Amino acid sequence: MASFGMKVIRGVFGAAEHVAPRLSGRAAFELFCRTPNAKSLSDGERRAVERASAFMAEARRHRLKTRTDCVAVHEFRPEPGRESRGTVLVIHGWRSRTEYMRALIEGFRGAGYKVVSLDLPGHGHSLGRHLNMVNAVDAARVAGEWFGPFAAVVGHSFGGAIAANAVAASVKGMPPLKAQNLVLIAAPSSMPAIFDDFSDMMNVGPRSRVAMADRVKHLSGRPLSEFTGDRQLAEAPVPTLIIHAPDDREVHADHAKRYAGAGGHVHLHWAEGLGHRRILADKDVVARAVGFVTGQHETTLH
């Protein structure tokens, strides 16, 4: 059952569709981009952050200035005694942070990679309360200027979509992020589909949706319809591993299938029974991600 607050929001958007659709569309876009308060953690989230405190203490933290934000980047050196294979950029998803990417970071460190983990705007140790594809790709761009080029970019959920968009240079005026490989875990492949799901949930009408799409084009320089993963990966044929759970309730498995249709350079692995978040801590998933990048690295060397 929808909460009283949700019913009010749906009612407001439903009424605004008939009297002020452009204003309604802009308000819906701003609501779509609004991030949760990074300091307002659930009990489970707080415990996870506390458990990762010693792990996070091993990192060097950098604050990097983007065009609109100030973002935190955590630099983890390879495990002692390991010869460096290069640098991997890790990007978390919506309502996430570097602490939750620990298993992947440790997996790549153990294989000899330096890992740079980005806290997106409005998340973790970064500032701000707004996140969209434009300021997210900009954050990845700045991380690339400081720490790239990358042996791989690894993204979970919305972070995977950001990785694909950054490598494909989907935002006008921003150069492609240089990476030899991509690993996209439980990642959405279609921004139009995400906007439609959000609009259905919030009762945003068709004319207001047009205004939302106009806002995307104004900020990114491209129409919303072009933000699809299969198109992006087809235009940027970087070796890519897609890992997705068929039972993912937050990002439907169809998104993985769409990515996989981009070409022979895209490989799909189904992680049965791991849902949307458990997939991050699964040892087999970590091993597959690391093995894919390491194998490509060895191929490149030879």
C-alpha atoms as a PDB file:
ATOM      1  CA  MET A   1       0.000   0.000   0.000  1.00  0.00           C
ATOM      2  CA  ALA A   2       1.361   3.422  -0.968  1.00  0.00           C
ATOM      3  CA  SER A   3       2.232   5.774   1.884  1.00  0.00           C
ATOM      4  CA  PHE A   4       0.225   8.927   2.449  1.00  0.00           C
ATOM      5  CA  GLY A   5       3.176  11.018   1.226  1.00  0.00           C
ATOM      6  CA  MET A   6       3.413   9.008  -1.985  1.00  0.00           C
ATOM      7  CA  LYS A   7      -0.322   9.418  -2.587  1.00  0.00           C
ATOM      8  CA  VAL A   8       0.034  13.185  -2.215  1.00  0.00           C
ATOM      9  CA  ILE A   9       2.991  13.310  -4.640  1.00  0.00           C
ATOM     10  CA  ARG A  10       1.109  11.196  -7.184  1.00  0.00           C
ATOM     11  CA  GLY A  11      -1.907  13.466  -6.835  1.00  0.00           C
ATOM     12  CA  VAL A  12       0.167  16.604  -7.344  1.00  0.00           C
ATOM     13  CA  PHE A  13       1.833  15.250 -10.482  1.00  0.00           C
ATOM     14  CA  GLY A  14      -1.495  14.034 -11.814  1.00  0.00           C
ATOM     15  CA  ALA A  15      -3.059  17.485 -11.419  1.00  0.00           C
ATOM     16  CA  ALA A  16       0.007  19.364 -12.690  1.00  0.00           C
ATOM     17  CA  GLU A  17      -0.038  17.362 -15.924  1.00  0.00           C
ATOM     18  CA  HIS A  18      -3.165  19.284 -16.957  1.00  0.00           C
ATOM     19  CA  VAL A  19      -2.178  22.795 -15.886  1.00  0.00           C
ATOM     20  CA  ALA A  20       1.643  23.057 -15.951  1.00  0.00           C
ATOM     21  CA  PRO A  21       3.283  20.056 -17.641  1.00  0.00           C
ATOM     22  CA  ARG A  22       6.643  21.734 -18.232  1.00  0.00           C
ATOM     23  CA  LEU A  23       6.908  22.777 -14.590  1.00  0.00           C
ATOM     24  CA  SER A  24       5.724  19.333 -13.543  1.00  0.00           C
ATOM     25  CA  GLY A  25       8.327  17.661 -15.777  1.00  0.00           C
ATOM     26  CA  ARG A  26      11.167  19.730 -14.356  1.00  0.00           C
ATOM     27  CA  ALA A  27       9.997  19.012 -10.803  1.00  0.00           C
ATOM     28  CA  ALA A  28       9.828  15.294 -11.591  1.00  0.00           C
ATOM     29  CA  PHE A  29      13.359  15.373 -13.016  1.00  0.00           C
ATOM     30  CA  GLU A  30      14.680  17.111  -9.896  1.00  0.00           C
ATOM     31  CA  LEU A  31      12.953  14.549  -7.690  1.00  0.00           C
ATOM     32  CA  PHE A  32      14.412  11.750  -9.834  1.00  0.00           C
ATOM     33  CA  CYS A  33      17.941  13.132  -9.281  1.00  0.00           C
ATOM     34  CA  ARG A  34      17.578  13.827  -5.562  1.00  0.00           C
ATOM     35  CA  THR A  35      19.837  11.564  -3.504  1.00  0.00           C
ATOM     36  CA  PRO A  36      19.108  10.258  -0.002  1.00  0.00           C
ATOM     37  CA  ASN A  37      20.827  12.012   2.857  1.00  0.00           C
ATOM     38  CA  ALA A  38      24.211  10.257   3.030  1.00  0.00           C
ATOM     39  CA  LYS A  39      24.221  10.688   6.828  1.00  0.00           C
ATOM     40  CA  SER A  40      20.794   9.075   7.293  1.00  0.00           C
ATOM     41  CA  LEU A  41      21.791   5.422   7.292  1.00  0.00           C
ATOM     42  CA  SER A  42      19.640   2.480   8.273  1.00  0.00           C
ATOM     43  CA  ASP A  43      20.881   0.278  11.105  1.00  0.00           C
ATOM     44  CA  GLY A  44      22.102  -2.298   8.599  1.00  0.00           C
ATOM     45  CA  GLU A  45      23.891   0.299   6.508  1.00  0.00           C
ATOM     46  CA  ARG A  46      25.539   1.782   9.579  1.00  0.00           C
ATOM     47  CA  ARG A  47      26.789  -1.630  10.682  1.00  0.00           C
ATOM     48  CA  ALA A  48      28.190  -2.297   7.204  1.00  0.00           C
ATOM     49  CA  VAL A  49      30.063   1.006   7.248  1.00  0.00           C
ATOM     50  CA  GLU A  50      31.422   0.289  10.734  1.00  0.00           C
ATOM     51  CA  ARG A  51      32.595  -3.193   9.700  1.00  0.00           C
ATOM     52  CA  ALA A  52      34.488  -1.663   6.789  1.00  0.00           C
ATOM     53  CA  SER A  53      36.243   1.018   8.870  1.00  0.00           C
ATOM     54  CA  ALA A  54      39.597  -0.805   9.062  1.00  0.00           C
ATOM     55  CA  PHE A  55      39.402  -1.607   5.353  1.00  0.00           C
ATOM     56  CA  MET A  56      38.719   2.036   4.505  1.00  0.00           C
ATOM     57  CA  ALA A  57      41.614   3.162   6.696  1.00  0.00           C
ATOM     58  CA  GLU A  58      43.966   1.425   4.252  1.00  0.00           C
ATOM     59  CA  ALA A  59      42.966   3.797   1.452  1.00  0.00           C
ATOM     60  CA  ARG A  60      44.308   7.207   0.567  1.00  0.00           C
ATOM     61  CA  ARG A  61      41.355   9.558   0.186  1.00  0.00           C
ATOM     62  CA  HIS A  62      41.361  12.259  -2.458  1.00  0.00           C
ATOM     63  CA  ARG A  63      38.851  15.032  -3.041  1.00  0.00           C
ATOM     64  CA  LEU A  64      38.484  15.922  -6.707  1.00  0.00           C
ATOM     65  CA  LYS A  65      36.656  18.916  -8.153  1.00  0.00           C
ATOM     66  CA  THR A  66      34.268  18.257 -10.989  1.00  0.00           C
ATOM     67  CA  ARG A  67      32.373  20.877 -12.977  1.00  0.00           C
ATOM     68  CA  THR A  68      29.586  21.035 -10.383  1.00  0.00           C
ATOM     69  CA  ASP A  69      30.583  18.911  -7.367  1.00  0.00           C
ATOM     70  CA  CYS A  70      33.387  17.779  -5.102  1.00  0.00           C
ATOM     71  CA  VAL A  71      33.745  14.003  -5.035  1.00  0.00           C
ATOM     72  CA  ALA A  72      35.720  11.604  -2.862  1.00  0.00           C
ATOM     73  CA  VAL A  73      37.985   9.003  -4.441  1.00  0.00           C
ATOM     74  CA  HIS A  74      39.558   6.197  -2.405  1.00  0.00           C
ATOM     75  CA  GLU A  75      42.888   4.802  -3.637  1.00  0.00           C
ATOM     76  CA  PHE A  76      43.757   1.245  -2.592  1.00  0.00           C
ATOM     77  CA  ARG A  77      47.244   0.028  -3.421  1.00  0.00           C
ATOM     78  CA  PRO A  78      47.853  -3.602  -4.507  1.00  0.00           C
ATOM     79  CA  GLU A  79      48.541  -6.114  -1.760  1.00  0.00           C
ATOM     80  CA  PRO A  80      52.183  -6.041  -0.599  1.00  0.00           C
ATOM     81  CA  GLY A  81      54.506  -8.111  -2.723  1.00  0.00           C
ATOM     82  CA  ARG A  82      52.251  -7.952  -5.776  1.00  0.00           C
ATOM     83  CA  GLU A  83      53.575  -6.466  -8.987  1.00  0.00           C
ATOM     84  CA  SER A  84      51.078  -3.895 -10.205  1.00  0.00           C
ATOM     85  CA  ARG A  85      48.989  -4.945 -13.213  1.00  0.00           C
ATOM     86  CA  GLY A  86      47.444  -1.502 -13.630  1.00  0.00           C
ATOM     87  CA  THR A  87      44.553   0.436 -12.144  1.00  0.00           C
ATOM     88  CA  VAL A  88      40.880  -0.501 -11.849  1.00  0.00           C
ATOM     89  CA  LEU A  89      38.126   2.080 -11.328  1.00  0.00           C
ATOM     90  CA  VAL A  90      35.172   0.893  -9.217  1.00  0.00           C
ATOM     91  CA  ILE A  91      31.833   2.739  -9.302  1.00  0.00           C
ATOM     92  CA  HIS A  92      29.011   1.931  -6.858  1.00  0.00           C
ATOM     93  CA  GLY A  93      25.290   2.260  -7.488  1.00  0.00           C
ATOM     94  CA  TRP A  94      22.423   4.385  -6.195  1.00  0.00           C
ATOM     95  CA  ARG A  95      22.247   4.626  -2.391  1.00  0.00           C
ATOM     96  CA  SER A  96      25.588   2.869  -2.121  1.00  0.00           C
ATOM     97  CA  ARG A  97      29.198   3.787  -1.367  1.00  0.00           C
ATOM     98  CA  THR A  98      32.763   2.489  -1.500  1.00  0.00           C
ATOM     99  CA  GLU A  99      32.365   0.470   1.716  1.00  0.00           C
ATOM    100  CA  TYR A 100      29.782  -1.780   0.039  1.00  0.00           C
ATOM    101  CA  MET A 101      32.172  -2.562  -2.838  1.00  0.00           C
ATOM    102  CA  ARG A 102      34.730  -4.103  -0.491  1.00  0.00           C
ATOM    103  CA  ALA A 103      34.690  -7.660  -1.884  1.00  0.00           C
ATOM    104  CA  LEU A 104      35.361  -6.501  -5.439  1.00  0.00           C
ATOM    105  CA  ILE A 105      38.056  -4.057  -4.338  1.00  0.00           C
ATOM    106  CA  GLU A 106      39.844  -6.715  -2.289  1.00  0.00           C
ATOM    107  CA  GLY A 107      39.569  -9.181  -5.174  1.00  0.00           C
ATOM    108  CA  PHE A 108      41.299  -6.855  -7.604  1.00  0.00           C
ATOM    109  CA  ARG A 109      43.899  -5.798  -5.036  1.00  0.00           C
ATOM    110  CA  GLY A 110      44.704  -9.436  -4.413  1.00  0.00           C
ATOM    111  CA  ALA A 111      45.272  -9.914  -8.145  1.00  0.00           C
ATOM    112  CA  GLY A 112      47.810  -7.088  -8.223  1.00  0.00           C
ATOM    113  CA  TYR A 113      45.718  -4.106  -9.272  1.00  0.00           C
ATOM    114  CA  LYS A 114      45.581  -0.686  -7.738  1.00  0.00           C
ATOM    115  CA  VAL A 115      41.922   0.116  -7.179  1.00  0.00           C
ATOM    116  CA  VAL A 116      40.397   3.567  -7.311  1.00  0.00           C
ATOM    117  CA  SER A 117      36.862   3.647  -5.904  1.00  0.00           C
ATOM    118  CA  LEU A 118      34.643   6.633  -6.613  1.00  0.00           C
ATOM    119  CA  ASP A 119      31.975   7.926  -4.225  1.00  0.00           C
ATOM    120  CA  LEU A 120      29.379   9.441  -6.545  1.00  0.00           C
ATOM    121  CA  PRO A 121      27.905  12.915  -5.898  1.00  0.00           C
ATOM    122  CA  GLY A 122      25.512  12.785  -2.961  1.00  0.00           C
ATOM    123  CA  HIS A 123      26.866   9.429  -1.757  1.00  0.00           C
ATOM    124  CA  GLY A 124      29.389   8.184   0.774  1.00  0.00           C
ATOM    125  CA  HIS A 125      32.081  10.760   1.472  1.00  0.00           C
ATOM    126  CA  SER A 126      31.182  12.993  -1.486  1.00  0.00           C
ATOM    127  CA  LEU A 127      29.209  16.206  -1.269  1.00  0.00           C
ATOM    128  CA  GLY A 128      25.920  17.162  -2.897  1.00  0.00           C
ATOM    129  CA  ARG A 129      22.315  15.944  -2.970  1.00  0.00           C
ATOM    130  CA  HIS A 130      21.831  15.430  -6.715  1.00  0.00           C
ATOM    131  CA  LEU A 131      22.986  12.620  -8.973  1.00  0.00           C
ATOM    132  CA  ASN A 132      22.299  12.250 -12.661  1.00  0.00           C
ATOM    133  CA  MET A 133      24.110  10.737 -15.614  1.00  0.00           C
ATOM    134  CA  VAL A 134      25.832  14.011 -16.469  1.00  0.00           C
ATOM    135  CA  ASN A 135      27.456  14.784 -13.122  1.00  0.00           C
ATOM    136  CA  ALA A 136      28.191  11.068 -12.624  1.00  0.00           C
ATOM    137  CA  VAL A 137      30.033  10.769 -15.947  1.00  0.00           C
ATOM    138  CA  ASP A 138      31.832  13.995 -15.092  1.00  0.00           C
ATOM    139  CA  ALA A 139      33.007  12.448 -11.807  1.00  0.00           C
ATOM    140  CA  ALA A 140      34.306   9.397 -13.696  1.00  0.00           C
ATOM    141  CA  ARG A 141      36.013  11.731 -16.174  1.00  0.00           C
ATOM    142  CA  VAL A 142      37.897  13.529 -13.406  1.00  0.00           C
ATOM    143  CA  ALA A 143      38.910  10.220 -11.815  1.00  0.00           C
ATOM    144  CA  GLY A 144      40.256   9.198 -15.213  1.00  0.00           C
ATOM    145  CA  GLU A 145      42.277  12.391 -15.562  1.00  0.00           C
ATOM    146  CA  TRP A 146      43.929  11.761 -12.201  1.00  0.00           C
ATOM    147  CA  PHE A 147      44.320   7.984 -12.164  1.00  0.00           C
ATOM    148  CA  GLY A 148      43.681   6.633 -15.678  1.00  0.00           C
ATOM    149  CA  PRO A 149      43.911   5.079 -18.110  1.00  0.00           C
ATOM    150  CA  PHE A 150      42.298   2.064 -16.490  1.00  0.00           C
ATOM    151  CA  ALA A 151      42.801  -1.648 -16.976  1.00  0.00           C
ATOM    152  CA  ALA A 152      39.080  -1.906 -16.257  1.00  0.00           C
ATOM    153  CA  VAL A 153      36.070   0.014 -15.030  1.00  0.00           C
ATOM    154  CA  VAL A 154      33.795  -2.034 -12.776  1.00  0.00           C
ATOM    155  CA  GLY A 155      30.320  -0.762 -11.957  1.00  0.00           C
ATOM    156  CA  HIS A 156      27.384  -2.073  -9.953  1.00  0.00           C
ATOM    157  CA  SER A 157      23.786  -1.092 -10.696  1.00  0.00           C
ATOM    158  CA  PHE A 158      23.629   2.596 -11.708  1.00  0.00           C
ATOM    159  CA  GLY A 159      27.437   2.602 -11.443  1.00  0.00           C
ATOM    160  CA  GLY A 160      27.516   0.096 -14.297  1.00  0.00           C
ATOM    161  CA  ALA A 161      25.386   2.355 -16.467  1.00  0.00           C
ATOM    162  CA  ILE A 162      27.717   5.235 -15.608  1.00  0.00           C
ATOM    163  CA  ALA A 163      30.727   3.158 -16.643  1.00  0.00           C
ATOM    164  CA  ALA A 164      29.177   2.335 -20.026  1.00  0.00           C
ATOM    165  CA  ASN A 165      28.170   5.953 -20.627  1.00  0.00           C
ATOM    166  CA  ALA A 166      31.589   7.261 -19.619  1.00  0.00           C
ATOM    167  CA  VAL A 167      33.480   4.881 -21.910  1.00  0.00           C
ATOM    168  CA  ALA A 168      31.065   5.599 -24.776  1.00  0.00           C
ATOM    169  CA  ALA A 169      31.324   9.401 -24.263  1.00  0.00           C
ATOM    170  CA  SER A 170      27.539   9.702 -24.202  1.00  0.00           C
ATOM    171  CA  VAL A 171      27.606  13.203 -22.659  1.00  0.00           C
ATOM    172  CA  LYS A 172      28.559  15.847 -25.184  1.00  0.00           C
ATOM    173  CA  GLY A 173      31.670  17.821 -24.337  1.00  0.00           C
ATOM    174  CA  MET A 174      33.203  15.039 -22.248  1.00  0.00           C
ATOM    175  CA  PRO A 175      35.904  12.793 -23.753  1.00  0.00           C
ATOM    176  CA  PRO A 176      35.608   8.986 -23.523  1.00  0.00           C
ATOM    177  CA  LEU A 177      36.916   7.397 -20.350  1.00  0.00           C
ATOM    178  CA  LYS A 178      39.944   5.296 -21.296  1.00  0.00           C
ATOM    179  CA  ALA A 179      39.561   1.688 -20.188  1.00  0.00           C
ATOM    180  CA  GLN A 180      40.701  -1.649 -21.577  1.00  0.00           C
ATOM    181  CA  ASN A 181      37.745  -3.585 -20.120  1.00  0.00           C
ATOM    182  CA  LEU A 182      34.309  -3.130 -18.612  1.00  0.00           C
ATOM    183  CA  VAL A 183      32.578  -5.219 -15.951  1.00  0.00           C
ATOM    184  CA  LEU A 184      28.923  -4.296 -15.438  1.00  0.00           C
ATOM    185  CA  ILE A 185      27.159  -5.984 -12.513  1.00  0.00           C
ATOM    186  CA  ALA A 186      23.358  -5.795 -12.167  1.00  0.00           C
ATOM    187  CA  ALA A 187      23.433  -2.698 -14.366  1.00  0.00           C
ATOM    188  CA  PRO A 188      20.459  -1.022 -16.070  1.00  0.00           C
ATOM    189  CA  SER A 189      20.891  -0.665 -19.825  1.00  0.00           C
ATOM    190  CA  SER A 190      18.111   1.765 -20.720  1.00  0.00           C
ATOM    191  CA  MET A 191      17.646   5.214 -19.226  1.00  0.00           C
ATOM    192  CA  PRO A 192      14.317   5.658 -21.079  1.00  0.00           C
ATOM    193  CA  ALA A 193      13.027   2.518 -19.324  1.00  0.00           C
ATOM    194  CA  ILE A 194      14.191   3.806 -15.941  1.00  0.00           C
ATOM    195  CA  PHE A 195      12.471   7.145 -16.558  1.00  0.00           C
ATOM    196  CA  ASP A 196       9.276   5.317 -17.546  1.00  0.00           C
ATOM    197  CA  ASP A 197       9.341   3.197 -14.377  1.00  0.00           C
ATOM    198  CA  PHE A 198       9.875   6.286 -12.231  1.00  0.00           C
ATOM    199  CA  SER A 199       7.139   8.202 -14.044  1.00  0.00           C
ATOM    200  CA  ASP A 200       4.670   5.337 -13.632  1.00  0.00           C
ATOM    201  CA  MET A 201       5.436   5.174  -9.921  1.00  0.00           C
ATOM    202  CA  MET A 202       5.013   8.938  -9.468  1.00  0.00           C
ATOM    203  CA  ASN A 203       1.994   9.316 -11.798  1.00  0.00           C
ATOM    204  CA  VAL A 204       3.898  11.656 -14.138  1.00  0.00           C
ATOM    205  CA  GLY A 205       1.795  12.253 -17.258  1.00  0.00           C
ATOM    206  CA  PRO A 206       2.886  12.097 -20.921  1.00  0.00           C
ATOM    207  CA  ARG A 207       3.363  15.840 -21.449  1.00  0.00           C
ATOM    208  CA  SER A 208       5.359  16.120 -18.230  1.00  0.00           C
ATOM    209  CA  ARG A 209       7.517  13.192 -19.395  1.00  0.00           C
ATOM    210  CA  VAL A 210       8.364  15.126 -22.535  1.00  0.00           C
ATOM    211  CA  ALA A 211       9.567  17.972 -20.314  1.00  0.00           C
ATOM    212  CA  MET A 212      11.702  15.509 -18.331  1.00  0.00           C
ATOM    213  CA  ALA A 213      13.282  14.273 -21.553  1.00  0.00           C
ATOM    214  CA  ASP A 214      13.890  17.861 -22.643  1.00  0.00           C
ATOM    215  CA  ARG A 215      15.804  18.420 -19.415  1.00  0.00           C
ATOM    216  CA  VAL A 216      18.013  15.426 -20.199  1.00  0.00           C
ATOM    217  CA  LYS A 217      18.810  16.796 -23.640  1.00  0.00           C
ATOM    218  CA  HIS A 218      19.547  20.254 -22.222  1.00  0.00           C
ATOM    219  CA  LEU A 219      22.041  18.873 -19.679  1.00  0.00           C
ATOM    220  CA  SER A 220      23.671  16.119 -21.740  1.00  0.00           C
ATOM    221  CA  GLY A 221      23.438  17.435 -25.295  1.00  0.00           C
ATOM    222  CA  ARG A 222      21.752  14.203 -26.427  1.00  0.00           C
ATOM    223  CA  PRO A 223      18.134  12.990 -26.502  1.00  0.00           C
ATOM    224  CA  LEU A 224      17.023  10.578 -23.812  1.00  0.00           C
ATOM    225  CA  SER A 225      16.385   7.915 -26.466  1.00  0.00           C
ATOM    226  CA  GLU A 226      20.130   7.609 -27.141  1.00  0.00           C
ATOM    227  CA  PHE A 227      20.950   6.526 -23.580  1.00  0.00           C
ATOM    228  CA  THR A 228      20.701   2.785 -24.168  1.00  0.00           C
ATOM    229  CA  GLY A 229      23.449   0.348 -23.253  1.00  0.00           C
ATOM    230  CA  ASP A 230      23.362  -1.792 -26.388  1.00  0.00           C
ATOM    231  CA  ARG A 231      23.889   1.281 -28.549  1.00  0.00           C
ATOM    232  CA  GLN A 232      26.680   2.581 -26.324  1.00  0.00           C
ATOM    233  CA  LEU A 233      28.599  -0.700 -26.168  1.00  0.00           C
ATOM    234  CA  ALA A 234      28.185  -1.194 -29.920  1.00  0.00           C
ATOM    235  CA  GLU A 235      29.802   2.208 -30.515  1.00  0.00           C
ATOM    236  CA  ALA A 236      32.560   1.590 -27.940  1.00  0.00           C
ATOM    237  CA  PRO A 237      33.613  -2.041 -28.528  1.00  0.00           C
ATOM    238  CA  VAL A 238      35.549  -2.510 -25.288  1.00  0.00           C
ATOM    239  CA  PRO A 239      35.702  -6.127 -24.024  1.00  0.00           C
ATOM    240  CA  THR A 240      32.814  -6.280 -21.564  1.00  0.00           C
ATOM    241  CA  LEU A 241      31.558  -8.761 -18.982  1.00  0.00           C
ATOM    242  CA  ILE A 242      27.910  -8.502 -17.924  1.00  0.00           C
ATOM    243  CA  ILE A 243      27.037 -10.213 -14.633  1.00  0.00           C
ATOM    244  CA  HIS A 244      23.373 -10.312 -13.672  1.00  0.00           C
ATOM    245  CA  ALA A 245      21.025 -12.375 -11.527  1.00  0.00           C
ATOM    246  CA  PRO A 246      17.866 -13.650 -13.242  1.00  0.00           C
ATOM    247  CA  ASP A 247      15.982 -12.986  -9.974  1.00  0.00           C
ATOM    248  CA  ASP A 248      17.095  -9.334  -9.687  1.00  0.00           C
ATOM    249  CA  ARG A 249      13.984  -7.419  -8.582  1.00  0.00           C
ATOM    250  CA  GLU A 250      15.496  -3.952  -8.901  1.00  0.00           C
ATOM    251  CA  VAL A 251      17.033  -4.207 -12.382  1.00  0.00           C
ATOM    252  CA  HIS A 252      15.211  -6.722 -14.577  1.00  0.00           C
ATOM    253  CA  ALA A 253      17.258  -9.377 -16.349  1.00  0.00           C
ATOM    254  CA  ASP A 254      16.121  -7.949 -19.702  1.00  0.00           C
ATOM    255  CA  HIS A 255      18.654  -5.166 -19.172  1.00  0.00           C
ATOM    256  CA  ALA A 256      21.484  -7.721 -19.210  1.00  0.00           C
ATOM    257  CA  LYS A 257      20.127  -9.297 -22.389  1.00  0.00           C
ATOM    258  CA  ARG A 258      20.050  -5.894 -24.031  1.00  0.00           C
ATOM    259  CA  TYR A 259      23.697  -5.261 -23.193  1.00  0.00           C
ATOM    260  CA  ALA A 260      24.619  -8.715 -24.487  1.00  0.00           C
ATOM    261  CA  GLY A 261      23.105  -7.854 -27.869  1.00  0.00           C
ATOM    262  CA  ALA A 262      25.718  -5.159 -28.498  1.00  0.00           C
ATOM    263  CA  GLY A 263      28.180  -7.527 -30.172  1.00  0.00           C
ATOM    264  CA  GLY A 264      30.647 -10.360 -29.766  1.00  0.00           C
ATOM    265  CA  HIS A 265      32.862  -8.318 -27.446  1.00  0.00           C
ATOM    266  CA  VAL A 266      30.162  -8.522 -24.752  1.00  0.00           C
ATOM    267  CA  HIS A 267      30.036 -11.642 -22.553  1.00  0.00           C
ATOM    268  CA  LEU A 268      27.084 -12.461 -20.292  1.00  0.00           C
ATOM    269  CA  HIS A 269      27.206 -14.469 -17.058  1.00  0.00           C
ATOM    270  CA  TRP A 270      24.050 -15.320 -15.131  1.00  0.00           C
ATOM    271  CA  ALA A 271      24.587 -15.308 -11.354  1.00  0.00           C
ATOM    272  CA  GLU A 272      21.688 -17.488 -10.253  1.00  0.00           C
ATOM    273  CA  GLY A 273      19.858 -16.614  -7.055  1.00  0.00           C
ATOM    274  CA  LEU A 274      21.952 -13.613  -6.017  1.00  0.00           C
ATOM    275  CA  GLY A 275      19.449 -10.811  -6.486  1.00  0.00           C
ATOM    276  CA  HIS A 276      20.565  -7.209  -6.802  1.00  0.00           C
ATOM    277  CA  ARG A 277      22.786  -6.671  -3.753  1.00  0.00           C
ATOM    278  CA  ARG A 278      23.998 -10.083  -2.568  1.00  0.00           C
ATOM    279  CA  ILE A 279      25.721 -10.375  -5.941  1.00  0.00           C
ATOM    280  CA  LEU A 280      28.376  -7.892  -4.786  1.00  0.00           C
ATOM    281  CA  ALA A 281      29.747 -10.130  -2.043  1.00  0.00           C
ATOM    282  CA  ASP A 282      29.600 -13.448  -3.891  1.00  0.00           C
ATOM    283  CA  LYS A 283      33.038 -15.067  -4.215  1.00  0.00           C
ATOM    284  CA  ASP A 284      32.306 -16.561  -7.628  1.00  0.00           C
ATOM    285  CA  VAL A 285      31.143 -13.208  -8.974  1.00  0.00           C
ATOM    286  CA  VAL A 286      34.310 -11.529  -7.700  1.00  0.00           C
ATOM    287  CA  ALA A 287      36.476 -14.302  -9.158  1.00  0.00           C
ATOM    288  CA  ARG A 288      34.754 -14.041 -12.540  1.00  0.00           C
ATOM    289  CA  ALA A 289      35.157 -10.269 -12.640  1.00  0.00           C
ATOM    290  CA  VAL A 290      38.833 -10.430 -11.696  1.00  0.00           C
ATOM    291  CA  GLY A 291      39.494 -13.369 -14.006  1.00  0.00           C
ATOM    292  CA  PHE A 292      37.904 -11.611 -16.964  1.00  0.00           C
ATOM    293  CA  VAL A 293      40.061  -8.519 -16.522  1.00  0.00           C
ATOM    294  CA  THR A 294      43.212 -10.505 -15.764  1.00  0.00           C
ATOM    295  CA  GLY A 295      42.678 -12.736 -18.783  1.00  0.00           C
ATOM    296  CA  GLN A 296      42.187  -9.768 -21.072  1.00  0.00           C
ATOM    297  CA  HIS A 297      45.281  -8.180 -19.541  1.00  0.00           C
ATOM    298  CA  GLU A 298      47.380 -11.247 -20.327  1.00  0.00           C
ATOM    299  CA  THR A 299      45.995 -11.358 -23.874  1.00  0.00           C
ATOM    300  CA  THR A 300      46.951  -7.729 -24.355  1.00  0.00           C
ATOM    301  CA  LEU A 301      50.486  -8.406 -23.155  1.00  0.00           C
ATOM    302  CA  HIS A 302      50.909 -11.280 -25.584  1.00  0.00           C
END
